Amino acid sequence: MARVFDGAALRDQRRLAGITAAQLAAVVGRTEDAVWSYETGRATPPIDIAAALADALDVHLDQLLTHTAELAVA
């Protein structure tokens, strides 16, 4: 099983923290649109940004990841 970034988890953790996408974006040095893109799955943040998002939300990076089945390559 591979681990992939989970935008819905990011959105949920941000809401639990009580901050806006704009506030989170400012903390990690990205735009509000970039954060929305991560939350909706239109984009995947680089690992350093994913780690910064987790730090800004005071959660472990694992909380922003989910398992996915790896496709077998023939």
Foldseek 3Di string as FASTA:
>chain_A
DDKFFALCLLVVLCVVLVDALQVLCVQLVHHSVVNVCSNVVVDGDDPVSLCSSCVVSVHHSSSRIDDDDDDDDD
